């Protein structure tokens, strides 16, 4: 199946994979994800207590992770609780694996 091309250069698949890699490209975001994966959720101040990162930096990193859907937020007045979205993560791993497996398999059969 041919993927539609975005901007005549990149497929939607390539753009989606790049968004995930960008989100995973900072060690602070990986540390935040590790915390969220191993817990039922955290508030920003709890993440700040666990990691050597300022509150504003944690908030910015959470924003990046929310944009790709790997982190959910739930407003619990007066705070927001952040949780790991395992379904999106599983989708990314599957999508990523299928994408590269397809590219390698097609290359080997040419």
C-alpha atoms as a PDB file:
ATOM      1  CA  UNK A   1       0.000   0.000   0.000  1.00  0.00           C
ATOM      2  CA  UNK A   2       1.423   3.363  -1.012  1.00  0.00           C
ATOM      3  CA  UNK A   3       1.297   5.983   1.708  1.00  0.00           C
ATOM      4  CA  UNK A   4       0.179   9.509   0.860  1.00  0.00           C
ATOM      5  CA  UNK A   5       3.110  11.858   0.668  1.00  0.00           C
ATOM      6  CA  UNK A   6       3.231  14.992   2.803  1.00  0.00           C
ATOM      7  CA  UNK A   7       4.997  18.024   1.310  1.00  0.00           C
ATOM      8  CA  UNK A   8       6.144  15.793  -1.578  1.00  0.00           C
ATOM      9  CA  UNK A   9       8.970  14.491   0.631  1.00  0.00           C
ATOM     10  CA  UNK A  10       7.746  12.481   3.592  1.00  0.00           C
ATOM     11  CA  UNK A  11       5.000   9.943   4.125  1.00  0.00           C
ATOM     12  CA  UNK A  12       2.593  10.192   7.041  1.00  0.00           C
ATOM     13  CA  UNK A  13       4.342   7.140   8.517  1.00  0.00           C
ATOM     14  CA  UNK A  14       7.702   8.913   8.455  1.00  0.00           C
ATOM     15  CA  UNK A  15       6.256  12.024  10.057  1.00  0.00           C
ATOM     16  CA  UNK A  16       4.531  10.036  12.821  1.00  0.00           C
ATOM     17  CA  UNK A  17       7.667   8.020  13.600  1.00  0.00           C
ATOM     18  CA  UNK A  18       9.736  11.221  13.672  1.00  0.00           C
ATOM     19  CA  UNK A  19       7.309  12.815  16.163  1.00  0.00           C
ATOM     20  CA  UNK A  20       7.735   9.884  18.530  1.00  0.00           C
ATOM     21  CA  UNK A  21      11.512   9.906  18.206  1.00  0.00           C
ATOM     22  CA  UNK A  22      11.556  13.636  18.898  1.00  0.00           C
ATOM     23  CA  UNK A  23       9.508  13.089  22.034  1.00  0.00           C
ATOM     24  CA  UNK A  24      11.880  10.319  23.141  1.00  0.00           C
ATOM     25  CA  UNK A  25      14.999  12.299  22.263  1.00  0.00           C
ATOM     26  CA  UNK A  26      15.470  14.040  25.605  1.00  0.00           C
ATOM     27  CA  UNK A  27      16.685  12.159  28.702  1.00  0.00           C
ATOM     28  CA  UNK A  28      14.328  14.149  30.938  1.00  0.00           C
ATOM     29  CA  UNK A  29      11.317  12.965  28.932  1.00  0.00           C
ATOM     30  CA  UNK A  30      12.551   9.378  29.184  1.00  0.00           C
ATOM     31  CA  UNK A  31      12.929   9.768  32.951  1.00  0.00           C
ATOM     32  CA  UNK A  32       9.415  11.215  33.207  1.00  0.00           C
ATOM     33  CA  UNK A  33       8.051   8.319  31.149  1.00  0.00           C
ATOM     34  CA  UNK A  34       9.878   5.836  33.404  1.00  0.00           C
ATOM     35  CA  UNK A  35       8.199   7.375  36.447  1.00  0.00           C
ATOM     36  CA  UNK A  36       4.770   7.360  34.821  1.00  0.00           C
ATOM     37  CA  UNK A  37       5.153   3.772  33.561  1.00  0.00           C
ATOM     38  CA  UNK A  38       5.878   2.540  37.071  1.00  0.00           C
ATOM     39  CA  UNK A  39       3.077   4.373  38.839  1.00  0.00           C
ATOM     40  CA  UNK A  40      -0.619   5.126  38.559  1.00  0.00           C
ATOM     41  CA  UNK A  41       0.166   8.747  37.821  1.00  0.00           C
ATOM     42  CA  UNK A  42       1.925  11.799  39.116  1.00  0.00           C
ATOM     43  CA  UNK A  43       1.249  15.462  39.620  1.00  0.00           C
ATOM     44  CA  UNK A  44       3.914  17.877  38.343  1.00  0.00           C
ATOM     45  CA  UNK A  45       5.176  18.648  41.852  1.00  0.00           C
ATOM     46  CA  UNK A  46       5.662  14.903  42.508  1.00  0.00           C
ATOM     47  CA  UNK A  47       7.740  14.552  39.352  1.00  0.00           C
ATOM     48  CA  UNK A  48       9.816  17.567  40.395  1.00  0.00           C
ATOM     49  CA  UNK A  49      10.458  15.855  43.756  1.00  0.00           C
ATOM     50  CA  UNK A  50      11.680  12.706  41.982  1.00  0.00           C
ATOM     51  CA  UNK A  51      13.859  14.256  39.278  1.00  0.00           C
ATOM     52  CA  UNK A  52      16.437  17.067  39.230  1.00  0.00           C
ATOM     53  CA  UNK A  53      14.326  19.167  36.874  1.00  0.00           C
ATOM     54  CA  UNK A  54      12.545  22.468  37.479  1.00  0.00           C
ATOM     55  CA  UNK A  55       8.765  22.627  37.497  1.00  0.00           C
ATOM     56  CA  UNK A  56       8.676  24.692  34.301  1.00  0.00           C
ATOM     57  CA  UNK A  57      10.905  22.150  32.527  1.00  0.00           C
ATOM     58  CA  UNK A  58       8.767  19.238  33.703  1.00  0.00           C
ATOM     59  CA  UNK A  59       5.657  21.023  32.439  1.00  0.00           C
ATOM     60  CA  UNK A  60       7.282  21.640  29.042  1.00  0.00           C
ATOM     61  CA  UNK A  61       8.383  18.006  28.737  1.00  0.00           C
ATOM     62  CA  UNK A  62       4.908  16.790  29.704  1.00  0.00           C
ATOM     63  CA  UNK A  63       3.459  19.046  27.005  1.00  0.00           C
ATOM     64  CA  UNK A  64       5.708  17.385  24.396  1.00  0.00           C
ATOM     65  CA  UNK A  65       4.689  13.922  25.597  1.00  0.00           C
ATOM     66  CA  UNK A  66       0.992  14.842  25.611  1.00  0.00           C
ATOM     67  CA  UNK A  67       1.211  16.093  22.026  1.00  0.00           C
ATOM     68  CA  UNK A  68       2.012  12.588  20.799  1.00  0.00           C
ATOM     69  CA  UNK A  69      -0.568  11.056  23.128  1.00  0.00           C
ATOM     70  CA  UNK A  70       1.812   8.953  25.208  1.00  0.00           C
ATOM     71  CA  UNK A  71       0.860  10.889  28.345  1.00  0.00           C
ATOM     72  CA  UNK A  72      -2.688  11.556  29.463  1.00  0.00           C
ATOM     73  CA  UNK A  73      -3.762  14.307  31.817  1.00  0.00           C
ATOM     74  CA  UNK A  74      -6.723  14.391  34.137  1.00  0.00           C
ATOM     75  CA  UNK A  75      -7.783  17.589  35.830  1.00  0.00           C
ATOM     76  CA  UNK A  76      -8.249  16.929  39.541  1.00  0.00           C
ATOM     77  CA  UNK A  77      -8.784  20.394  41.001  1.00  0.00           C
ATOM     78  CA  UNK A  78      -6.604  22.196  41.761  1.00  0.00           C
ATOM     79  CA  UNK A  79      -3.997  19.948  40.072  1.00  0.00           C
ATOM     80  CA  UNK A  80      -3.525  17.883  36.929  1.00  0.00           C
ATOM     81  CA  UNK A  81      -2.581  14.229  37.225  1.00  0.00           C
ATOM     82  CA  UNK A  82      -0.431  12.757  34.443  1.00  0.00           C
ATOM     83  CA  UNK A  83      -0.518   9.091  33.456  1.00  0.00           C
ATOM     84  CA  UNK A  84       1.244   6.888  30.927  1.00  0.00           C
ATOM     85  CA  UNK A  85      -0.855   5.847  27.927  1.00  0.00           C
ATOM     86  CA  UNK A  86       0.275   2.271  27.330  1.00  0.00           C
ATOM     87  CA  UNK A  87      -2.074   1.799  24.365  1.00  0.00           C
ATOM     88  CA  UNK A  88      -0.418   4.608  22.406  1.00  0.00           C
ATOM     89  CA  UNK A  89       3.003   3.234  23.334  1.00  0.00           C
ATOM     90  CA  UNK A  90       2.038  -0.267  22.127  1.00  0.00           C
ATOM     91  CA  UNK A  91       0.693   1.257  18.914  1.00  0.00           C
ATOM     92  CA  UNK A  92       3.962   3.120  18.349  1.00  0.00           C
ATOM     93  CA  UNK A  93       6.089   0.015  18.973  1.00  0.00           C
ATOM     94  CA  UNK A  94       3.944  -2.050  16.607  1.00  0.00           C
ATOM     95  CA  UNK A  95       3.810   0.698  13.972  1.00  0.00           C
ATOM     96  CA  UNK A  96       7.573   1.279  14.216  1.00  0.00           C
ATOM     97  CA  UNK A  97       8.357  -2.450  13.987  1.00  0.00           C
ATOM     98  CA  UNK A  98       6.042  -2.991  11.027  1.00  0.00           C
ATOM     99  CA  UNK A  99       7.401   0.063   9.205  1.00  0.00           C
ATOM    100  CA  UNK A 100      11.037  -0.964   9.453  1.00  0.00           C
ATOM    101  CA  UNK A 101      10.380  -4.670   8.969  1.00  0.00           C
ATOM    102  CA  UNK A 102       8.527  -3.830   5.750  1.00  0.00           C
ATOM    103  CA  UNK A 103      11.364  -1.595   4.529  1.00  0.00           C
ATOM    104  CA  UNK A 104      14.042  -4.205   5.307  1.00  0.00           C
ATOM    105  CA  UNK A 105      12.019  -7.109   3.903  1.00  0.00           C
ATOM    106  CA  UNK A 106      11.343  -5.262   0.650  1.00  0.00           C
ATOM    107  CA  UNK A 107      15.028  -4.315   0.318  1.00  0.00           C
ATOM    108  CA  UNK A 108      16.200  -7.918   0.848  1.00  0.00           C
ATOM    109  CA  UNK A 109      13.806  -9.231  -1.797  1.00  0.00           C
ATOM    110  CA  UNK A 110      14.948  -6.877  -4.538  1.00  0.00           C
END
